[in-house]
Amino acid sequence: MAYSDFTLKKVKLDFNIQTVEDQSLFSNSEEIKISDYLAQTLKRNVPLALAINTEKARSELIIINILLEVKEKSYDQKISLFSGIDFNVDKEKGLTGFCDYIISGSEEQLYLELPVITIVEAKNENIISGLGQCIAEMHAAQLFNQEASHELSCVYGAVTTGDEWRFVKLEKNVAYIDNDSYYISDINKIIGILVNMVKGEA
């Protein structure tokens, strides 16, 4: 059992998580203008990633560049970024395996200290099918932080194809799944939402 084995139904049943799916959670988040570097990078990379149409291409050409921009725009916050990290929290509950990306609310880069955002790359470009995995990772982040005595009011998550982004907020045992999807054409909005998540203000 691993994070990728969780469906939305299973994660709700196993961890007694309720979902709220009818709210526009982040529509009030302010846009943040992206750097010229990211604008040029996406202009060059997005058509290529969509043409290659593999998860690896979308990860390397789109997603990581967006997350690096978030790190750059969060200069007033101490954060670190992890990719392909082994995140084993509770083997008996199936909360083990690799996470595509985790943003930590700590500047420690050599090991994961304070997971605040988990980001799942949607398999087969299916955002909905990635929600179970994402919420399982978010729940694991909750447990990890509780064990380390880090008091956070919520943990955030995102499922993305690179081109499309869907955001989630987990407060205690309630997962708020954003009613809206955001696309790469709304990149300033996507960056704004992610930066607000880093600050715990989303």
N, C-alpha and C. Protein backbone atom coordinates (compact mmCIF):
# COMPACT_ATOMS: atom_id res chain seq x y z
N MET A 1 0.84 -1.19 0.00
CA MET A 1 0.00 0.00 0.00
C MET A 1 0.88 1.24 0.00
N ALA A 2 0.54 2.20 -0.84
CA ALA A 2 1.30 3.45 -0.93
C ALA A 2 0.33 4.58 -1.25
N TYR A 3 0.83 5.81 -1.20
CA TYR A 3 -0.02 6.97 -1.46
C TYR A 3 -0.78 6.83 -2.79
N SER A 4 -0.08 6.33 -3.80
CA SER A 4 -0.68 6.25 -5.13
C SER A 4 -1.82 5.25 -5.22
N ASP A 5 -1.99 4.41 -4.19
CA ASP A 5 -3.07 3.43 -4.19
C ASP A 5 -4.38 4.00 -3.66
N PHE A 6 -4.33 5.20 -3.10
CA PHE A 6 -5.53 5.78 -2.50
C PHE A 6 -6.43 6.45 -3.54
N THR A 7 -7.69 6.04 -3.54
CA THR A 7 -8.72 6.76 -4.29
C THR A 7 -9.36 7.75 -3.32
N LEU A 8 -10.16 8.64 -3.85
CA LEU A 8 -10.86 9.59 -2.99
C LEU A 8 -11.78 8.86 -2.01
N LYS A 9 -12.46 7.83 -2.51
CA LYS A 9 -13.36 7.05 -1.65
C LYS A 9 -12.60 6.37 -0.52
N LYS A 10 -11.46 5.77 -0.86
CA LYS A 10 -10.68 5.03 0.14
C LYS A 10 -10.10 5.95 1.21
N VAL A 11 -9.60 7.10 0.79
CA VAL A 11 -8.99 8.01 1.77
C VAL A 11 -10.04 8.55 2.73
N LYS A 12 -11.27 8.74 2.23
CA LYS A 12 -12.35 9.21 3.11
C LYS A 12 -12.74 8.13 4.11
N LEU A 13 -12.84 6.89 3.65
CA LEU A 13 -13.23 5.79 4.52
C LEU A 13 -12.15 5.44 5.53
N ASP A 14 -10.90 5.36 5.07
CA ASP A 14 -9.81 4.91 5.94
C ASP A 14 -9.49 5.92 7.04
N PHE A 15 -9.59 7.20 6.72
CA PHE A 15 -9.15 8.22 7.67
C PHE A 15 -10.28 9.11 8.18
N ASN A 16 -11.51 8.69 7.90
CA ASN A 16 -12.68 9.44 8.36
C ASN A 16 -12.60 10.91 7.95
N ILE A 17 -12.24 11.12 6.71
CA ILE A 17 -12.13 12.48 6.19
C ILE A 17 -13.40 12.85 5.43
N GLN A 18 -13.92 14.00 5.74
CA GLN A 18 -15.07 14.54 5.01
C GLN A 18 -14.57 15.46 3.90
N THR A 19 -15.33 15.55 2.82
CA THR A 19 -14.94 16.46 1.75
C THR A 19 -16.02 17.51 1.52
N VAL A 20 -15.58 18.70 1.20
CA VAL A 20 -16.45 19.81 0.80
C VAL A 20 -15.98 20.21 -0.60
N GLU A 21 -16.90 20.13 -1.56
CA GLU A 21 -16.48 20.25 -2.96
C GLU A 21 -17.20 21.36 -3.72
N ASP A 22 -17.92 22.22 -3.01
CA ASP A 22 -18.75 23.22 -3.70
C ASP A 22 -18.32 24.66 -3.42
N GLN A 23 -17.07 24.84 -2.99
CA GLN A 23 -16.61 26.19 -2.67
C GLN A 23 -15.49 26.63 -3.60
N SER A 24 -15.52 27.91 -3.93
CA SER A 24 -14.44 28.52 -4.69
C SER A 24 -13.44 29.07 -3.67
N LEU A 25 -12.46 28.26 -3.33
CA LEU A 25 -11.62 28.54 -2.17
C LEU A 25 -10.62 29.66 -2.36
N PHE A 26 -10.08 29.77 -3.55
CA PHE A 26 -8.92 30.65 -3.72
C PHE A 26 -9.16 31.76 -4.73
N SER A 27 -10.42 32.02 -5.04
CA SER A 27 -10.73 33.04 -6.05
C SER A 27 -10.29 34.43 -5.61
N ASN A 28 -10.17 34.65 -4.29
CA ASN A 28 -9.77 35.96 -3.79
C ASN A 28 -8.25 36.12 -3.68
N SER A 29 -7.51 35.06 -3.95
CA SER A 29 -6.05 35.17 -3.91
C SER A 29 -5.58 36.13 -4.99
N GLU A 30 -4.71 37.04 -4.61
CA GLU A 30 -4.21 38.02 -5.58
C GLU A 30 -3.20 37.37 -6.53
N GLU A 31 -3.25 37.81 -7.76
CA GLU A 31 -2.27 37.34 -8.74
C GLU A 31 -0.89 37.91 -8.40
N ILE A 32 0.13 37.16 -8.73
CA ILE A 32 1.51 37.63 -8.60
C ILE A 32 2.15 37.54 -9.97
N LYS A 33 2.62 38.65 -10.45
CA LYS A 33 3.22 38.69 -11.79
C LYS A 33 4.48 37.83 -11.82
N ILE A 34 4.53 36.96 -12.79
CA ILE A 34 5.68 36.06 -12.88
C ILE A 34 6.89 36.80 -13.47
N SER A 35 8.05 36.23 -13.24
CA SER A 35 9.28 36.81 -13.77
C SER A 35 9.35 36.64 -15.28
N ASP A 36 10.12 37.48 -15.91
CA ASP A 36 10.34 37.34 -17.35
C ASP A 36 10.96 35.98 -17.67
N TYR A 37 11.81 35.52 -16.75
CA TYR A 37 12.46 34.23 -16.96
C TYR A 37 11.43 33.11 -17.05
N LEU A 38 10.47 33.07 -16.10
CA LEU A 38 9.46 32.02 -16.13
C LEU A 38 8.56 32.18 -17.35
N ALA A 39 8.23 33.41 -17.69
CA ALA A 39 7.38 33.64 -18.86
C ALA A 39 8.03 33.06 -20.12
N GLN A 40 9.31 33.32 -20.29
CA GLN A 40 10.03 32.81 -21.46
C GLN A 40 10.18 31.29 -21.39
N THR A 41 10.43 30.79 -20.18
CA THR A 41 10.59 29.34 -20.00
C THR A 41 9.30 28.60 -20.37
N LEU A 42 8.17 29.11 -19.88
CA LEU A 42 6.89 28.46 -20.18
C LEU A 42 6.52 28.60 -21.65
N LYS A 43 6.83 29.75 -22.23
CA LYS A 43 6.55 29.95 -23.65
C LYS A 43 7.28 28.91 -24.49
N ARG A 44 8.50 28.60 -24.09
CA ARG A 44 9.30 27.61 -24.81
C ARG A 44 8.90 26.18 -24.46
N ASN A 45 8.65 25.93 -23.16
CA ASN A 45 8.52 24.55 -22.69
C ASN A 45 7.13 23.95 -22.78
N VAL A 46 6.09 24.77 -22.57
CA VAL A 46 4.74 24.22 -22.51
C VAL A 46 4.34 23.51 -23.81
N PRO A 47 4.52 24.14 -24.98
CA PRO A 47 4.15 23.43 -26.21
C PRO A 47 4.92 22.11 -26.38
N LEU A 48 6.19 22.11 -25.98
CA LEU A 48 6.99 20.90 -26.09
C LEU A 48 6.49 19.82 -25.14
N ALA A 49 6.21 20.21 -23.89
CA ALA A 49 5.73 19.25 -22.90
C ALA A 49 4.39 18.64 -23.32
N LEU A 50 3.50 19.47 -23.85
CA LEU A 50 2.19 18.97 -24.27
C LEU A 50 2.31 18.10 -25.51
N ALA A 51 3.29 18.39 -26.35
CA ALA A 51 3.50 17.56 -27.54
C ALA A 51 4.10 16.20 -27.18
N ILE A 52 5.08 16.21 -26.27
CA ILE A 52 5.67 14.94 -25.81
C ILE A 52 4.62 14.13 -25.05
N ASN A 53 3.83 14.85 -24.23
CA ASN A 53 2.66 14.28 -23.55
C ASN A 53 3.00 13.09 -22.65
N THR A 54 4.07 13.22 -21.86
CA THR A 54 4.37 12.24 -20.83
C THR A 54 4.45 12.96 -19.49
N GLU A 55 4.25 12.20 -18.42
CA GLU A 55 4.33 12.80 -17.08
C GLU A 55 5.72 13.35 -16.82
N LYS A 56 6.73 12.66 -17.27
CA LYS A 56 8.11 13.10 -17.06
C LYS A 56 8.36 14.44 -17.74
N ALA A 57 7.86 14.59 -18.96
CA ALA A 57 8.05 15.85 -19.69
C ALA A 57 7.33 17.00 -19.00
N ARG A 58 6.10 16.76 -18.57
CA ARG A 58 5.35 17.82 -17.89
C ARG A 58 6.02 18.21 -16.57
N SER A 59 6.57 17.21 -15.88
CA SER A 59 7.24 17.47 -14.62
C SER A 59 8.50 18.31 -14.82
N GLU A 60 9.33 17.89 -15.77
CA GLU A 60 10.63 18.54 -15.97
C GLU A 60 10.52 19.87 -16.70
N LEU A 61 9.55 20.00 -17.57
CA LEU A 61 9.48 21.20 -18.40
C LEU A 61 8.53 22.27 -17.86
N ILE A 62 7.53 21.85 -17.07
CA ILE A 62 6.54 22.82 -16.58
C ILE A 62 6.54 22.92 -15.06
N ILE A 63 6.19 21.82 -14.40
CA ILE A 63 5.87 21.88 -12.97
C ILE A 63 7.03 22.39 -12.13
N ILE A 64 8.22 21.82 -12.32
CA ILE A 64 9.35 22.22 -11.47
C ILE A 64 9.68 23.69 -11.65
N ASN A 65 9.51 24.22 -12.85
CA ASN A 65 9.80 25.64 -13.08
C ASN A 65 8.80 26.54 -12.36
N ILE A 66 7.54 26.10 -12.30
CA ILE A 66 6.53 26.87 -11.56
C ILE A 66 6.85 26.85 -10.07
N LEU A 67 7.25 25.70 -9.54
CA LEU A 67 7.55 25.60 -8.11
C LEU A 67 8.80 26.38 -7.74
N LEU A 68 9.77 26.42 -8.63
CA LEU A 68 10.97 27.23 -8.38
C LEU A 68 10.60 28.71 -8.34
N GLU A 69 9.65 29.11 -9.17
CA GLU A 69 9.17 30.49 -9.15
C GLU A 69 8.48 30.80 -7.82
N VAL A 70 7.70 29.85 -7.32
CA VAL A 70 7.05 30.02 -6.02
C VAL A 70 8.10 30.23 -4.93
N LYS A 71 9.15 29.43 -4.97
CA LYS A 71 10.23 29.58 -3.99
C LYS A 71 10.86 30.96 -4.10
N GLU A 72 11.07 31.43 -5.32
CA GLU A 72 11.66 32.75 -5.55
C GLU A 72 10.73 33.86 -5.06
N LYS A 73 9.45 33.72 -5.31
CA LYS A 73 8.48 34.75 -4.92
C LYS A 73 8.18 34.72 -3.42
N SER A 74 8.58 33.66 -2.75
CA SER A 74 8.35 33.54 -1.30
C SER A 74 9.62 33.91 -0.54
N TYR A 75 10.32 34.92 -1.04
CA TYR A 75 11.62 35.30 -0.48
C TYR A 75 11.54 35.71 0.99
N ASP A 76 10.37 36.18 1.42
CA ASP A 76 10.23 36.60 2.82
C ASP A 76 9.86 35.44 3.74
N GLN A 77 9.73 34.24 3.16
CA GLN A 77 9.41 33.04 3.93
C GLN A 77 10.60 32.08 3.86
N LYS A 78 10.78 31.31 4.91
CA LYS A 78 11.82 30.29 4.91
C LYS A 78 11.20 28.98 4.44
N ILE A 79 11.46 28.62 3.19
CA ILE A 79 10.87 27.39 2.66
C ILE A 79 11.93 26.57 1.92
N SER A 80 11.60 25.32 1.69
CA SER A 80 12.45 24.45 0.88
C SER A 80 11.54 23.59 0.00
N LEU A 81 12.12 23.06 -1.05
CA LEU A 81 11.37 22.32 -2.06
C LEU A 81 11.97 20.93 -2.23
N PHE A 82 11.10 19.92 -2.22
CA PHE A 82 11.55 18.54 -2.38
C PHE A 82 10.83 17.89 -3.56
N SER A 83 11.58 17.10 -4.32
CA SER A 83 11.03 16.42 -5.50
C SER A 83 11.37 14.94 -5.42
N GLY A 84 10.35 14.09 -5.61
CA GLY A 84 10.58 12.65 -5.60
C GLY A 84 11.07 12.13 -4.27
N ILE A 85 10.57 12.73 -3.18
CA ILE A 85 11.05 12.37 -1.85
C ILE A 85 10.30 11.16 -1.29
N ASP A 86 11.04 10.31 -0.60
CA ASP A 86 10.45 9.16 0.09
C ASP A 86 9.85 9.67 1.39
N PHE A 87 8.52 9.55 1.54
CA PHE A 87 7.81 10.14 2.68
C PHE A 87 7.04 9.05 3.40
N ASN A 88 7.74 8.34 4.29
CA ASN A 88 7.14 7.21 5.00
C ASN A 88 6.70 7.66 6.39
N VAL A 89 5.40 7.70 6.62
CA VAL A 89 4.86 8.22 7.87
C VAL A 89 4.21 7.13 8.72
N ASP A 90 3.41 6.27 8.11
CA ASP A 90 2.73 5.20 8.86
C ASP A 90 2.47 4.03 7.91
N LYS A 91 3.32 3.02 8.00
CA LYS A 91 3.24 1.88 7.10
C LYS A 91 1.92 1.13 7.25
N GLU A 92 1.45 0.98 8.49
CA GLU A 92 0.21 0.23 8.73
C GLU A 92 -0.99 0.89 8.08
N LYS A 93 -0.97 2.21 7.98
CA LYS A 93 -2.07 2.94 7.37
C LYS A 93 -1.87 3.14 5.87
N GLY A 94 -0.75 2.67 5.35
CA GLY A 94 -0.48 2.84 3.92
C GLY A 94 0.07 4.20 3.56
N LEU A 95 0.48 4.96 4.57
CA LEU A 95 1.00 6.31 4.31
C LEU A 95 2.50 6.24 4.09
N THR A 96 2.85 5.63 2.97
CA THR A 96 4.25 5.45 2.61
C THR A 96 4.41 5.65 1.10
N GLY A 97 5.65 5.84 0.70
CA GLY A 97 5.95 5.94 -0.72
C GLY A 97 6.55 7.28 -1.09
N PHE A 98 6.69 7.46 -2.39
CA PHE A 98 7.30 8.68 -2.91
C PHE A 98 6.23 9.74 -3.16
N CYS A 99 6.59 10.97 -2.87
CA CYS A 99 5.75 12.12 -3.20
C CYS A 99 6.39 12.87 -4.36
N ASP A 100 5.56 13.29 -5.30
CA ASP A 100 6.10 14.01 -6.45
C ASP A 100 6.82 15.27 -6.01
N TYR A 101 6.11 16.10 -5.22
CA TYR A 101 6.71 17.34 -4.72
C TYR A 101 6.14 17.66 -3.34
N ILE A 102 6.99 18.19 -2.49
CA ILE A 102 6.56 18.73 -1.20
C ILE A 102 7.24 20.07 -0.98
N ILE A 103 6.47 21.06 -0.58
CA ILE A 103 7.04 22.33 -0.15
C ILE A 103 7.02 22.35 1.37
N SER A 104 8.18 22.63 1.96
CA SER A 104 8.32 22.65 3.41
C SER A 104 8.39 24.08 3.91
N GLY A 105 7.77 24.31 5.06
CA GLY A 105 7.79 25.63 5.66
C GLY A 105 9.02 25.87 6.50
N SER A 106 10.11 25.28 6.10
CA SER A 106 11.40 25.42 6.78
C SER A 106 12.48 25.59 5.71
N GLU A 107 13.54 26.30 6.04
CA GLU A 107 14.62 26.49 5.07
C GLU A 107 15.55 25.28 5.01
N GLU A 108 15.36 24.30 5.89
CA GLU A 108 16.19 23.10 5.88
C GLU A 108 15.97 22.33 4.59
N GLN A 109 17.04 22.17 3.78
CA GLN A 109 16.92 21.54 2.47
C GLN A 109 17.48 20.11 2.45
N LEU A 110 18.21 19.73 3.48
CA LEU A 110 18.83 18.40 3.48
C LEU A 110 17.88 17.30 3.96
N TYR A 111 16.84 17.69 4.68
CA TYR A 111 15.81 16.72 5.08
C TYR A 111 14.50 17.46 5.29
N LEU A 112 13.41 16.72 5.20
CA LEU A 112 12.08 17.32 5.32
C LEU A 112 11.76 17.60 6.79
N GLU A 113 11.41 18.84 7.09
CA GLU A 113 11.17 19.23 8.47
C GLU A 113 9.72 19.65 8.73
N LEU A 114 9.10 20.36 7.77
CA LEU A 114 7.78 20.93 8.02
C LEU A 114 6.95 20.97 6.73
N PRO A 115 6.39 19.81 6.32
CA PRO A 115 5.61 19.79 5.08
C PRO A 115 4.34 20.62 5.17
N VAL A 116 4.18 21.57 4.26
CA VAL A 116 2.98 22.42 4.27
C VAL A 116 2.15 22.29 3.00
N ILE A 117 2.78 21.88 1.89
CA ILE A 117 2.06 21.69 0.62
C ILE A 117 2.55 20.40 -0.03
N THR A 118 1.62 19.53 -0.40
CA THR A 118 1.98 18.34 -1.19
C THR A 118 1.40 18.52 -2.59
N ILE A 119 2.21 18.20 -3.59
CA ILE A 119 1.79 18.40 -4.97
C ILE A 119 1.90 17.08 -5.72
N VAL A 120 0.80 16.66 -6.30
CA VAL A 120 0.72 15.38 -7.00
C VAL A 120 0.58 15.64 -8.49
N GLU A 121 1.41 14.96 -9.25
CA GLU A 121 1.27 15.02 -10.71
C GLU A 121 0.20 14.01 -11.13
N ALA A 122 -0.85 14.50 -11.76
CA ALA A 122 -1.98 13.65 -12.15
C ALA A 122 -1.53 12.59 -13.15
N LYS A 123 -1.91 11.36 -12.88
CA LYS A 123 -1.60 10.27 -13.80
C LYS A 123 -2.61 10.25 -14.94
N ASN A 124 -2.13 10.02 -16.13
CA ASN A 124 -2.98 9.97 -17.32
C ASN A 124 -3.82 11.24 -17.48
N GLU A 125 -3.26 12.36 -17.01
CA GLU A 125 -3.91 13.67 -17.14
C GLU A 125 -5.28 13.71 -16.47
N ASN A 126 -5.48 12.86 -15.46
CA ASN A 126 -6.78 12.79 -14.78
C ASN A 126 -6.67 13.42 -13.40
N ILE A 127 -7.12 14.67 -13.30
CA ILE A 127 -7.03 15.41 -12.04
C ILE A 127 -7.82 14.71 -10.93
N ILE A 128 -9.04 14.28 -11.23
CA ILE A 128 -9.90 13.69 -10.21
C ILE A 128 -9.26 12.45 -9.59
N SER A 129 -8.64 11.63 -10.42
CA SER A 129 -8.05 10.39 -9.90
C SER A 129 -6.85 10.67 -9.00
N GLY A 130 -6.28 11.86 -9.08
CA GLY A 130 -5.14 12.20 -8.23
C GLY A 130 -5.52 12.77 -6.88
N LEU A 131 -6.81 13.06 -6.68
CA LEU A 131 -7.23 13.69 -5.43
C LEU A 131 -7.06 12.78 -4.22
N GLY A 132 -7.34 11.49 -4.38
CA GLY A 132 -7.17 10.56 -3.27
C GLY A 132 -5.72 10.50 -2.81
N GLN A 133 -4.81 10.39 -3.76
CA GLN A 133 -3.38 10.37 -3.44
C GLN A 133 -2.96 11.66 -2.75
N CYS A 134 -3.42 12.78 -3.27
CA CYS A 134 -3.06 14.08 -2.72
C CYS A 134 -3.52 14.22 -1.27
N ILE A 135 -4.78 13.85 -1.01
CA ILE A 135 -5.32 14.00 0.35
C ILE A 135 -4.64 13.01 1.30
N ALA A 136 -4.28 11.83 0.82
CA ALA A 136 -3.54 10.88 1.65
C ALA A 136 -2.19 11.47 2.05
N GLU A 137 -1.51 12.11 1.12
CA GLU A 137 -0.22 12.75 1.42
C GLU A 137 -0.41 13.93 2.37
N MET A 138 -1.50 14.67 2.20
CA MET A 138 -1.78 15.79 3.09
C MET A 138 -2.05 15.29 4.51
N HIS A 139 -2.81 14.20 4.61
CA HIS A 139 -3.08 13.61 5.93
C HIS A 139 -1.78 13.14 6.57
N ALA A 140 -0.91 12.53 5.77
CA ALA A 140 0.39 12.11 6.29
C ALA A 140 1.20 13.31 6.77
N ALA A 141 1.12 14.41 6.04
CA ALA A 141 1.82 15.63 6.46
C ALA A 141 1.27 16.13 7.80
N GLN A 142 -0.05 16.04 7.97
CA GLN A 142 -0.66 16.40 9.26
C GLN A 142 -0.05 15.57 10.40
N LEU A 143 -0.02 14.25 10.21
CA LEU A 143 0.50 13.36 11.24
C LEU A 143 1.97 13.63 11.50
N PHE A 144 2.73 13.85 10.43
CA PHE A 144 4.16 14.15 10.54
C PHE A 144 4.38 15.40 11.39
N ASN A 145 3.61 16.43 11.10
CA ASN A 145 3.77 17.70 11.82
C ASN A 145 3.32 17.58 13.28
N GLN A 146 2.26 16.82 13.50
CA GLN A 146 1.80 16.60 14.88
C GLN A 146 2.86 15.87 15.70
N GLU A 147 3.46 14.86 15.08
CA GLU A 147 4.50 14.09 15.76
C GLU A 147 5.70 14.97 16.11
N ALA A 148 5.97 15.95 15.25
CA ALA A 148 7.10 16.86 15.47
C ALA A 148 6.70 18.09 16.28
N SER A 149 5.46 18.10 16.77
CA SER A 149 4.93 19.22 17.57
C SER A 149 4.91 20.53 16.80
N HIS A 150 4.68 20.43 15.49
CA HIS A 150 4.48 21.63 14.67
C HIS A 150 2.98 21.88 14.58
N GLU A 151 2.52 22.96 15.15
CA GLU A 151 1.10 23.26 15.15
C GLU A 151 0.73 24.08 13.91
N LEU A 152 0.03 23.46 12.98
CA LEU A 152 -0.45 24.14 11.79
C LEU A 152 -1.96 24.01 11.73
N SER A 153 -2.63 25.07 11.34
CA SER A 153 -4.09 25.02 11.28
C SER A 153 -4.57 24.19 10.09
N CYS A 154 -3.74 24.09 9.05
CA CYS A 154 -4.14 23.33 7.87
C CYS A 154 -2.92 22.93 7.06
N VAL A 155 -3.15 22.01 6.14
CA VAL A 155 -2.14 21.60 5.16
C VAL A 155 -2.78 21.77 3.79
N TYR A 156 -1.98 22.17 2.82
CA TYR A 156 -2.49 22.40 1.47
C TYR A 156 -2.01 21.33 0.50
N GLY A 157 -2.71 21.23 -0.61
CA GLY A 157 -2.32 20.28 -1.64
C GLY A 157 -2.72 20.76 -3.02
N ALA A 158 -2.15 20.13 -4.02
CA ALA A 158 -2.50 20.44 -5.40
C ALA A 158 -2.33 19.19 -6.24
N VAL A 159 -3.22 19.02 -7.20
CA VAL A 159 -3.08 17.99 -8.23
C VAL A 159 -2.95 18.71 -9.55
N THR A 160 -1.96 18.34 -10.34
CA THR A 160 -1.71 19.08 -11.56
C THR A 160 -1.27 18.19 -12.71
N THR A 161 -1.63 18.62 -13.91
CA THR A 161 -1.10 18.01 -15.13
C THR A 161 0.04 18.86 -15.66
N GLY A 162 0.32 19.96 -14.98
CA GLY A 162 1.24 20.96 -15.49
C GLY A 162 0.45 22.07 -16.15
N ASP A 163 -0.48 21.70 -16.99
CA ASP A 163 -1.34 22.67 -17.68
C ASP A 163 -2.54 23.06 -16.82
N GLU A 164 -3.07 22.11 -16.05
CA GLU A 164 -4.24 22.34 -15.20
C GLU A 164 -3.87 22.11 -13.74
N TRP A 165 -4.40 22.96 -12.84
CA TRP A 165 -4.12 22.86 -11.41
C TRP A 165 -5.43 22.86 -10.63
N ARG A 166 -5.53 21.93 -9.65
CA ARG A 166 -6.69 21.87 -8.75
C ARG A 166 -6.15 21.85 -7.32
N PHE A 167 -6.68 22.72 -6.48
CA PHE A 167 -6.12 22.90 -5.14
C PHE A 167 -7.03 22.34 -4.05
N VAL A 168 -6.39 21.95 -2.94
CA VAL A 168 -7.09 21.33 -1.81
C VAL A 168 -6.57 21.93 -0.51
N LYS A 169 -7.45 22.03 0.47
CA LYS A 169 -7.08 22.52 1.80
C LYS A 169 -7.62 21.54 2.84
N LEU A 170 -6.75 21.03 3.70
CA LEU A 170 -7.15 20.06 4.71
C LEU A 170 -7.06 20.69 6.10
N GLU A 171 -8.22 20.84 6.73
CA GLU A 171 -8.30 21.35 8.10
C GLU A 171 -8.87 20.25 8.98
N LYS A 172 -8.06 19.78 9.92
CA LYS A 172 -8.44 18.65 10.77
C LYS A 172 -8.86 17.49 9.88
N ASN A 173 -10.13 17.07 9.91
CA ASN A 173 -10.53 15.93 9.08
C ASN A 173 -11.46 16.36 7.94
N VAL A 174 -11.41 17.62 7.56
CA VAL A 174 -12.23 18.11 6.45
C VAL A 174 -11.33 18.56 5.31
N ALA A 175 -11.51 17.94 4.14
CA ALA A 175 -10.75 18.31 2.95
C ALA A 175 -11.63 19.18 2.05
N TYR A 176 -11.22 20.41 1.88
CA TYR A 176 -11.93 21.34 0.99
C TYR A 176 -11.29 21.26 -0.39
N ILE A 177 -12.03 20.72 -1.34
CA ILE A 177 -11.54 20.58 -2.71
C ILE A 177 -12.07 21.75 -3.52
N ASP A 178 -11.16 22.55 -4.03
CA ASP A 178 -11.58 23.76 -4.74
C ASP A 178 -12.50 23.42 -5.90
N ASN A 179 -13.56 24.19 -6.02
CA ASN A 179 -14.52 24.00 -7.10
C ASN A 179 -13.97 24.45 -8.44
N ASP A 180 -12.91 25.25 -8.40
CA ASP A 180 -12.33 25.81 -9.63
C ASP A 180 -11.05 25.08 -10.01
N SER A 181 -10.81 25.00 -11.30
CA SER A 181 -9.52 24.58 -11.82
C SER A 181 -8.84 25.80 -12.43
N TYR A 182 -7.52 25.82 -12.35
CA TYR A 182 -6.76 26.92 -12.93
C TYR A 182 -5.81 26.37 -13.98
N TYR A 183 -5.67 27.12 -15.05
CA TYR A 183 -4.87 26.66 -16.18
C TYR A 183 -3.63 27.52 -16.35
N ILE A 184 -2.69 27.00 -17.11
CA ILE A 184 -1.40 27.65 -17.28
C ILE A 184 -1.56 29.07 -17.84
N SER A 185 -2.67 29.32 -18.53
CA SER A 185 -2.95 30.67 -19.02
C SER A 185 -3.21 31.63 -17.85
N ASP A 186 -3.54 31.07 -16.67
CA ASP A 186 -3.74 31.86 -15.45
C ASP A 186 -2.53 31.72 -14.52
N ILE A 187 -1.33 31.68 -15.09
CA ILE A 187 -0.14 31.39 -14.30
C ILE A 187 0.07 32.37 -13.16
N ASN A 188 -0.25 33.65 -13.37
CA ASN A 188 -0.09 34.63 -12.28
C ASN A 188 -0.99 34.29 -11.09
N LYS A 189 -2.17 33.77 -11.39
CA LYS A 189 -3.10 33.35 -10.34
C LYS A 189 -2.58 32.11 -9.62
N ILE A 190 -2.08 31.16 -10.38
CA ILE A 190 -1.53 29.92 -9.81
C ILE A 190 -0.39 30.25 -8.85
N ILE A 191 0.52 31.12 -9.29
CA ILE A 191 1.64 31.51 -8.43
C ILE A 191 1.12 32.22 -7.18
N GLY A 192 0.13 33.09 -7.35
CA GLY A 192 -0.44 33.81 -6.21
C GLY A 192 -1.03 32.87 -5.18
N ILE A 193 -1.76 31.86 -5.65
CA ILE A 193 -2.37 30.89 -4.73
C ILE A 193 -1.29 30.10 -3.99
N LEU A 194 -0.30 29.62 -4.71
CA LEU A 194 0.75 28.82 -4.09
C LEU A 194 1.57 29.63 -3.08
N VAL A 195 1.86 30.88 -3.40
CA VAL A 195 2.60 31.74 -2.46
C VAL A 195 1.76 31.99 -1.21
N ASN A 196 0.46 32.21 -1.38
CA ASN A 196 -0.41 32.38 -0.22
C ASN A 196 -0.46 31.12 0.64
N MET A 197 -0.42 29.96 -0.01
CA MET A 197 -0.38 28.71 0.75
C MET A 197 0.89 28.63 1.59
N VAL A 198 2.01 29.00 0.98
CA VAL A 198 3.28 28.99 1.71
C VAL A 198 3.19 29.86 2.96
N LYS A 199 2.51 30.99 2.82
CA LYS A 199 2.36 31.92 3.95
C LYS A 199 1.27 31.50 4.92
N GLY A 200 0.51 30.46 4.55
CA GLY A 200 -0.60 30.02 5.40
C GLY A 200 -1.78 30.96 5.37
N GLU A 201 -1.89 31.72 4.27
CA GLU A 201 -2.94 32.73 4.16
C GLU A 201 -4.01 32.37 3.13
N ALA A 202 -3.90 31.21 2.52
CA ALA A 202 -4.86 30.84 1.47
C ALA A 202 -6.11 30.24 2.09
